[in-house]
Amino acid sequence: MTATTTPATPTRKKAGPLNLDWGLLLIVGVLLAFGLMMVYSTTFDWSYTDFKSPTTVFFRQVRSLAIGLVVMAALARLDYHHLRRAAVPLLGITILALIVVLVFGTFAFGAQRGLLNGSYQPSELAKLATVIYLSVWLTSKGEMIKDFGYGLAPYGVVVGVLAGLVLQEPDVSATLTIVLVGATMFFLAGADLLQIALASIVSGAAGYAVVMSSTTARDRIAEYLAGLTNIEQTSWHVQQAIIAFINGGVFGRGLGQSYQKFEALPTPHTDSVIINIGVMVAALPFAGNALPLISYGGSSLVVTLAGIGVLLSVSRHNPNETLQRKTRASFDYSRRDRRPRVSRPRSDE
């Protein structure tokens, strides 16, 4: 009589709380510390002028940092597979916030981008929502992504709605970010060459339309082209940044010792912190993007840390693990009327 053995069912290995990408955390920590120094250096004059204290604006950034770290820790601890369930609600909340800001948003610097007295910018959330929703949706489609009705058409609608709403604020740099990120993800998901070609044409046409429909964007492109032949013809912002580079030399003037930030250099705490080199030396058109983790801006900081939290969650878990009940974020055609729709999360048994 022979004995037979039944292979043991493999147990799912749980991710430990310390199983993190410590290299990523180290880099983030260094950038955050450097960013706080830069924020204080570039805002103490503005803070004292407007609030009679050199640290008021700085502590606003510290408050946003605290919120962002809590969000990052929560998302790092969460199994990222659960984001499947959150993809559609997150997309809906983002679209709603983008509509609300167009109606009730705070108007500043020629744009209507912020809520709650400008402290919350939905366009920042739209960048993260684009990544999360498209990652879930593209994964759920698999090989069907190559079908026009299941791939390019609904992709174009989702990205087009988000980018179109952000453009209405207007926030040209965020709009182009959403379009470029979406196109990159669509390409990496395995779309066929025809769809990639069509997406490139559509994205290029959309980018051109964005630039041509925005007076600000047209002016920035014109200033950039003029600055290629004569630096004195480029924007005032870039001219003042170049003066700051020249005065600072190789090692700079030292923390808090810059001259140009005292009224001459516009928004030194966001667009002009140190390192947006391509724009600041007129090698690229001026876009207005904040430098993640370094420039001043609560919405940008919180959303960036949230994205890092998702990366940390991915680093903690086996990518081959799946939830017992999976959900899909999909954009399908209804059987009844063949119209495209964003479906609610549904479970696969």
Protein backbone atom coordinates (compact mmCIF):
# COMPACT_ATOMS: atom_id res chain seq x y z
CA MET A 1 0.00 0.00 0.00
CA THR A 2 1.46 3.30 -1.03
CA ALA A 3 0.79 6.57 0.65
CA THR A 4 -0.10 9.57 -1.39
CA THR A 5 0.50 13.09 -0.32
CA THR A 6 -1.53 16.10 -1.26
CA PRO A 7 0.57 19.15 -2.07
CA ALA A 8 0.07 21.86 0.48
CA THR A 9 -1.81 24.92 -0.64
CA PRO A 10 0.65 27.81 -0.75
CA THR A 11 -0.12 30.43 1.80
CA ARG A 12 -0.20 34.03 0.86
CA LYS A 13 2.77 35.84 2.23
CA LYS A 14 1.74 38.93 4.08
CA ALA A 15 3.71 42.09 3.56
CA GLY A 16 5.42 43.26 6.71
CA PRO A 17 5.17 46.90 7.81
CA LEU A 18 8.93 47.30 7.43
CA ASN A 19 9.14 45.68 4.00
CA LEU A 20 9.55 48.99 2.24
CA ASP A 21 11.68 50.48 -0.48
CA TRP A 22 14.09 52.23 1.88
CA GLY A 23 16.10 53.65 -0.98
CA LEU A 24 13.03 55.49 -2.26
CA LEU A 25 12.22 56.70 1.26
CA LEU A 26 15.76 58.03 1.69
CA ILE A 27 15.58 59.98 -1.55
CA VAL A 28 12.15 61.38 -0.65
CA GLY A 29 13.37 62.39 2.80
CA VAL A 30 16.38 64.24 1.40
CA LEU A 31 14.25 66.06 -1.19
CA LEU A 32 11.68 67.03 1.45
CA ALA A 33 14.35 68.45 3.74
CA PHE A 34 15.93 70.35 0.85
CA GLY A 35 12.50 71.54 -0.28
CA LEU A 36 11.63 72.93 3.16
CA MET A 37 14.88 74.92 3.16
CA MET A 38 14.10 76.29 -0.29
CA VAL A 39 10.53 77.16 0.65
CA TYR A 40 11.67 79.12 3.70
CA SER A 41 14.43 80.83 1.74
CA THR A 42 12.04 81.95 -1.00
CA THR A 43 9.01 82.88 1.13
CA PHE A 44 10.20 84.63 4.28
CA ASP A 45 10.06 88.08 2.63
CA TRP A 46 6.60 87.45 1.14
CA SER A 47 5.42 85.98 4.43
CA TYR A 48 6.63 88.97 6.44
CA THR A 49 5.14 91.46 3.99
CA ASP A 50 1.68 89.87 3.93
CA PHE A 51 1.43 88.27 7.38
CA LYS A 52 3.95 90.17 9.54
CA SER A 53 5.79 86.93 10.25
CA PRO A 54 8.62 85.36 8.23
CA THR A 55 7.44 81.81 8.98
CA THR A 56 3.68 81.86 8.33
CA VAL A 57 3.95 80.61 4.73
CA PHE A 58 6.66 78.14 5.70
CA PHE A 59 4.45 76.54 8.36
CA ARG A 60 1.65 76.23 5.80
CA GLN A 61 4.00 74.04 3.82
CA VAL A 62 4.88 72.09 6.97
CA ARG A 63 1.16 71.51 7.58
CA SER A 64 0.73 70.20 4.04
CA LEU A 65 3.78 68.00 4.56
CA ALA A 66 2.24 66.49 7.70
CA ILE A 67 -0.99 65.73 5.84
CA GLY A 68 0.94 64.27 2.92
CA LEU A 69 3.00 62.01 5.16
CA VAL A 70 -0.15 60.64 6.79
CA VAL A 71 -1.67 59.96 3.37
CA MET A 72 1.57 58.37 2.16
CA ALA A 73 1.77 56.10 5.21
CA ALA A 74 -1.85 55.03 4.83
CA LEU A 75 -1.45 54.19 1.14
CA ALA A 76 1.87 52.44 1.75
CA ARG A 77 0.18 50.19 4.31
CA LEU A 78 -2.81 49.50 2.04
CA ASP A 79 -2.54 46.60 -0.42
CA TYR A 80 -2.44 48.42 -3.74
CA HIS A 81 -4.75 45.81 -5.27
CA HIS A 82 -7.58 47.49 -3.34
CA LEU A 83 -7.13 50.57 -5.52
CA ARG A 84 -9.15 48.70 -8.15
CA ARG A 85 -12.23 49.46 -6.09
CA ALA A 86 -11.30 53.11 -5.67
CA ALA A 87 -10.50 53.87 -9.32
CA VAL A 88 -13.99 54.79 -10.53
CA PRO A 89 -15.03 56.75 -7.39
CA LEU A 90 -11.71 58.63 -7.53
CA LEU A 91 -12.31 59.51 -11.17
CA GLY A 92 -15.83 60.70 -10.38
CA ILE A 93 -14.70 62.82 -7.42
CA THR A 94 -11.94 64.35 -9.54
CA ILE A 95 -14.28 65.30 -12.38
CA LEU A 96 -16.76 66.78 -9.88
CA ALA A 97 -14.00 68.81 -8.21
CA LEU A 98 -12.80 70.09 -11.61
CA ILE A 99 -16.34 71.25 -12.41
CA VAL A 100 -16.82 72.87 -8.99
CA VAL A 101 -13.57 74.84 -9.28
CA LEU A 102 -14.74 76.32 -12.58
CA VAL A 103 -17.87 77.64 -10.84
CA PHE A 104 -16.71 78.50 -7.33
CA GLY A 105 -12.93 78.52 -7.59
CA THR A 106 -10.58 81.27 -6.46
CA PHE A 107 -9.35 83.50 -9.30
CA ALA A 108 -5.64 84.33 -9.16
CA PHE A 109 -2.84 85.03 -11.66
CA GLY A 110 -5.31 84.97 -14.55
CA ALA A 111 -6.70 81.50 -13.76
CA GLN A 112 -9.43 79.91 -11.67
CA ARG A 113 -7.70 76.83 -10.27
CA GLY A 114 -8.16 76.69 -6.50
CA LEU A 115 -10.84 75.91 -3.93
CA LEU A 116 -10.92 76.90 -0.25
CA ASN A 117 -9.24 80.24 -0.88
CA GLY A 118 -6.83 78.67 -3.33
CA SER A 119 -5.44 76.08 -0.91
CA TYR A 120 -6.72 73.06 -2.88
CA GLN A 121 -6.12 72.60 -6.62
CA PRO A 122 -8.12 69.74 -8.21
CA SER A 123 -5.80 69.73 -11.24
CA GLU A 124 -3.11 68.15 -9.03
CA LEU A 125 -5.49 65.36 -8.03
CA ALA A 126 -6.39 64.90 -11.71
CA LYS A 127 -2.82 63.84 -12.48
CA LEU A 128 -2.88 61.06 -9.88
CA ALA A 129 -6.44 60.05 -10.77
CA THR A 130 -5.38 59.67 -14.41
CA VAL A 131 -2.60 57.25 -13.45
CA ILE A 132 -4.73 55.16 -11.07
CA TYR A 133 -7.83 54.93 -13.25
CA LEU A 134 -5.98 54.19 -16.47
CA SER A 135 -3.76 51.59 -14.81
CA VAL A 136 -6.82 49.68 -13.56
CA TRP A 137 -8.81 50.16 -16.75
CA LEU A 138 -5.97 49.22 -19.11
CA THR A 139 -5.15 46.13 -17.02
CA SER A 140 -8.76 44.98 -17.04
CA LYS A 141 -8.95 45.21 -20.85
CA GLY A 142 -5.98 42.98 -21.60
CA GLU A 143 -5.81 42.10 -25.29
CA MET A 144 -9.12 43.90 -25.90
CA ILE A 145 -7.19 47.15 -25.70
CA LYS A 146 -6.32 46.60 -29.35
CA ASP A 147 -9.98 46.86 -30.32
CA PHE A 148 -10.93 50.42 -31.25
CA GLY A 149 -14.25 50.32 -29.43
CA TYR A 150 -12.72 48.96 -26.25
CA GLY A 151 -9.38 50.73 -26.49
CA LEU A 152 -8.69 54.01 -28.23
CA ALA A 153 -12.23 55.43 -28.22
CA PRO A 154 -12.96 55.17 -24.48
CA TYR A 155 -9.36 56.09 -23.63
CA GLY A 156 -9.76 59.27 -25.65
CA VAL A 157 -13.01 60.13 -23.87
CA VAL A 158 -11.59 59.66 -20.36
CA VAL A 159 -8.38 61.58 -21.00
CA GLY A 160 -10.21 64.18 -23.08
CA VAL A 161 -12.73 64.96 -20.33
CA LEU A 162 -10.04 65.35 -17.66
CA ALA A 163 -7.71 67.39 -19.86
CA GLY A 164 -10.57 69.52 -21.20
CA LEU A 165 -11.79 70.47 -17.73
CA VAL A 166 -8.28 71.34 -16.54
CA LEU A 167 -7.73 73.44 -19.66
CA GLN A 168 -10.80 75.52 -18.85
CA GLU A 169 -9.18 76.86 -15.66
CA PRO A 170 -6.78 77.33 -17.54
CA ASP A 171 -3.83 75.19 -16.44
CA VAL A 172 -1.92 74.43 -19.62
CA SER A 173 0.98 72.60 -17.96
CA ALA A 174 -1.34 70.25 -16.05
CA THR A 175 -3.37 69.64 -19.21
CA LEU A 176 -0.32 68.61 -21.20
CA THR A 177 0.86 66.44 -18.29
CA ILE A 178 -2.43 64.51 -18.27
CA VAL A 179 -2.34 64.04 -22.05
CA LEU A 180 1.29 62.88 -22.10
CA VAL A 181 0.92 60.54 -19.11
CA GLY A 182 -2.23 59.03 -20.59
CA ALA A 183 -0.60 58.50 -23.98
CA THR A 184 2.45 56.86 -22.39
CA MET A 185 0.31 54.46 -20.35
CA PHE A 186 -1.78 53.59 -23.41
CA PHE A 187 1.40 52.77 -25.31
CA LEU A 188 2.84 50.64 -22.47
CA ALA A 189 -0.45 48.75 -22.14
CA GLY A 190 0.18 47.15 -25.52
CA ALA A 191 -1.91 49.14 -27.98
CA ASP A 192 -1.21 48.17 -31.59
CA LEU A 193 0.78 50.38 -33.94
CA LEU A 194 -2.30 51.79 -35.66
CA GLN A 195 -3.83 52.89 -32.38
CA ILE A 196 -0.51 54.34 -31.24
CA ALA A 197 -0.28 56.29 -34.49
CA LEU A 198 -3.86 57.53 -34.14
CA ALA A 199 -3.29 58.40 -30.47
CA SER A 200 -0.14 60.31 -31.40
CA ILE A 201 -1.97 62.27 -34.07
CA VAL A 202 -4.89 63.02 -31.75
CA SER A 203 -2.58 63.93 -28.84
CA GLY A 204 -0.48 66.13 -31.10
CA ALA A 205 -3.56 67.86 -32.47
CA ALA A 206 -4.94 68.27 -28.96
CA GLY A 207 -1.65 69.73 -27.76
CA TYR A 208 -1.58 72.16 -30.66
CA ALA A 209 -5.20 73.13 -29.98
CA VAL A 210 -4.37 73.67 -26.29
CA VAL A 211 -1.53 76.02 -27.16
CA MET A 212 -3.46 77.91 -29.83
CA SER A 213 -6.57 78.31 -27.67
CA SER A 214 -4.66 79.78 -24.75
CA THR A 215 -3.33 83.33 -24.90
CA THR A 216 -0.93 82.53 -22.07
CA ALA A 217 0.46 79.48 -23.88
CA ARG A 218 0.87 81.39 -27.15
CA ASP A 219 2.70 84.20 -25.39
CA ARG A 220 5.04 81.76 -23.65
CA ILE A 221 5.87 79.96 -26.90
CA ALA A 222 6.51 83.30 -28.63
CA GLU A 223 8.77 84.47 -25.78
CA TYR A 224 10.65 81.19 -25.86
CA LEU A 225 11.26 81.36 -29.62
CA ALA A 226 12.34 84.99 -29.37
CA GLY A 227 14.72 84.13 -26.52
CA LEU A 228 16.52 81.53 -28.64
CA THR A 229 18.08 84.31 -30.70
CA ASN A 230 18.11 87.15 -28.16
CA ILE A 231 17.87 86.41 -24.45
CA GLU A 232 16.65 89.96 -23.85
CA GLN A 233 13.47 89.12 -25.79
CA THR A 234 12.45 86.24 -23.56
CA SER A 235 10.02 86.59 -20.64
CA TRP A 236 10.75 88.79 -17.64
CA HIS A 237 10.57 85.70 -15.44
CA VAL A 238 13.33 83.90 -17.32
CA GLN A 239 15.47 87.04 -17.55
CA GLN A 240 15.38 87.50 -13.78
CA ALA A 241 16.16 83.81 -13.24
CA ILE A 242 19.23 84.09 -15.48
CA ILE A 243 20.39 87.15 -13.55
CA ALA A 244 20.01 85.13 -10.35
CA PHE A 245 22.11 82.32 -11.84
CA ILE A 246 24.85 84.78 -12.84
CA ASN A 247 24.91 86.50 -9.45
CA GLY A 248 24.96 83.18 -7.64
CA GLY A 249 27.86 81.71 -9.55
CA VAL A 250 28.65 78.01 -9.28
CA PHE A 251 27.82 77.57 -5.58
CA GLY A 252 25.15 80.23 -5.12
CA ARG A 253 25.04 83.12 -2.66
CA GLY A 254 23.98 80.97 0.28
CA LEU A 255 20.69 80.11 1.94
CA GLY A 256 18.46 83.17 2.14
CA GLN A 257 21.02 85.48 0.47
CA SER A 258 19.53 85.71 -3.03
CA TYR A 259 18.68 89.20 -4.33
CA GLN A 260 16.33 88.44 -7.22
CA LYS A 261 13.58 86.93 -5.07
CA PHE A 262 12.88 90.34 -3.54
CA GLU A 263 10.14 91.39 -5.98
CA ALA A 264 12.23 91.12 -9.19
CA LEU A 265 11.71 87.36 -9.70
CA PRO A 266 8.02 86.38 -9.94
CA THR A 267 6.83 83.41 -7.85
CA PRO A 268 10.29 82.36 -6.62
CA HIS A 269 8.66 79.85 -4.25
CA THR A 270 7.00 77.74 -6.97
CA ASP A 271 8.07 78.02 -10.61
CA SER A 272 11.53 79.40 -9.85
CA VAL A 273 12.93 77.17 -7.07
CA ILE A 274 16.39 76.25 -8.11
CA ILE A 275 16.11 73.47 -10.40
CA ASN A 276 13.59 73.87 -13.21
CA ILE A 277 16.73 74.40 -15.24
CA GLY A 278 15.30 73.78 -18.68
CA VAL A 279 12.77 76.60 -18.28
CA MET A 280 14.88 78.96 -16.22
CA VAL A 281 17.73 79.09 -18.75
CA ALA A 282 15.29 79.43 -21.67
CA ALA A 283 16.03 75.96 -23.04
CA LEU A 284 12.32 75.03 -22.79
CA PRO A 285 9.11 77.08 -22.98
CA PHE A 286 7.87 78.38 -19.65
CA ALA A 287 5.22 76.01 -18.29
CA GLY A 288 4.56 76.89 -14.65
CA ASN A 289 4.93 73.40 -13.16
CA ALA A 290 5.94 73.16 -9.53
CA LEU A 291 8.99 71.03 -8.78
CA PRO A 292 7.70 67.97 -6.87
CA LEU A 293 8.68 67.81 -3.17
CA ILE A 294 10.66 71.05 -3.43
CA SER A 295 8.50 73.92 -4.70
CA TYR A 296 5.90 75.56 -2.48
CA GLY A 297 2.38 74.20 -2.91
CA GLY A 298 0.22 72.12 -0.60
CA SER A 299 -1.84 70.32 -3.25
CA SER A 300 1.23 69.33 -5.23
CA LEU A 301 3.03 68.10 -2.12
CA VAL A 302 0.12 66.02 -0.77
CA VAL A 303 -0.67 64.42 -4.14
CA THR A 304 3.00 63.67 -4.82
CA LEU A 305 3.36 61.98 -1.43
CA ALA A 306 0.15 60.03 -2.10
CA GLY A 307 1.68 58.73 -5.33
CA ILE A 308 4.85 57.76 -3.45
CA GLY A 309 2.65 55.92 -0.96
CA VAL A 310 1.24 53.84 -3.81
CA LEU A 311 4.77 53.03 -4.99
CA LEU A 312 5.70 51.94 -1.48
CA SER A 313 2.64 49.68 -1.39
CA VAL A 314 3.72 48.09 -4.66
CA SER A 315 7.19 47.50 -3.22
CA ARG A 316 5.69 45.73 -0.17
CA HIS A 317 3.51 43.25 -2.03
CA ASN A 318 4.04 40.43 -4.48
CA PRO A 319 2.81 41.66 -7.89
CA ASN A 320 1.41 38.16 -8.60
CA GLU A 321 -0.93 38.35 -5.62
CA THR A 322 -4.56 38.98 -6.41
CA LEU A 323 -7.54 39.72 -4.27
CA GLN A 324 -10.15 36.99 -3.92
CA ARG A 325 -12.70 39.46 -5.19
CA LYS A 326 -11.27 41.65 -7.92
CA THR A 327 -12.87 44.74 -9.33
CA ARG A 328 -12.46 46.35 -12.69
CA ALA A 329 -12.65 49.94 -13.74
CA SER A 330 -13.91 49.77 -17.26
CA PHE A 331 -15.30 51.91 -20.00
CA ASP A 332 -17.52 49.64 -22.05
CA TYR A 333 -20.33 49.71 -24.53
CA SER A 334 -23.76 49.07 -23.11
CA ARG A 335 -25.47 46.07 -24.66
CA ARG A 336 -28.75 47.94 -24.83
CA ASP A 337 -27.87 51.06 -26.77
CA ARG A 338 -24.19 50.54 -27.68
CA ARG A 339 -23.23 53.84 -26.11
CA PRO A 340 -19.91 54.09 -24.26
CA ARG A 341 -20.12 54.42 -20.51
CA VAL A 342 -17.85 54.32 -17.48
CA SER A 343 -18.99 51.28 -15.57
CA ARG A 344 -19.15 50.87 -11.83
CA PRO A 345 -16.68 48.49 -10.17
CA ARG A 346 -17.78 44.91 -10.64
CA SER A 347 -16.56 41.75 -8.98
CA ASP A 348 -15.13 38.61 -10.55
CA GLU A 349 -15.74 35.47 -8.58
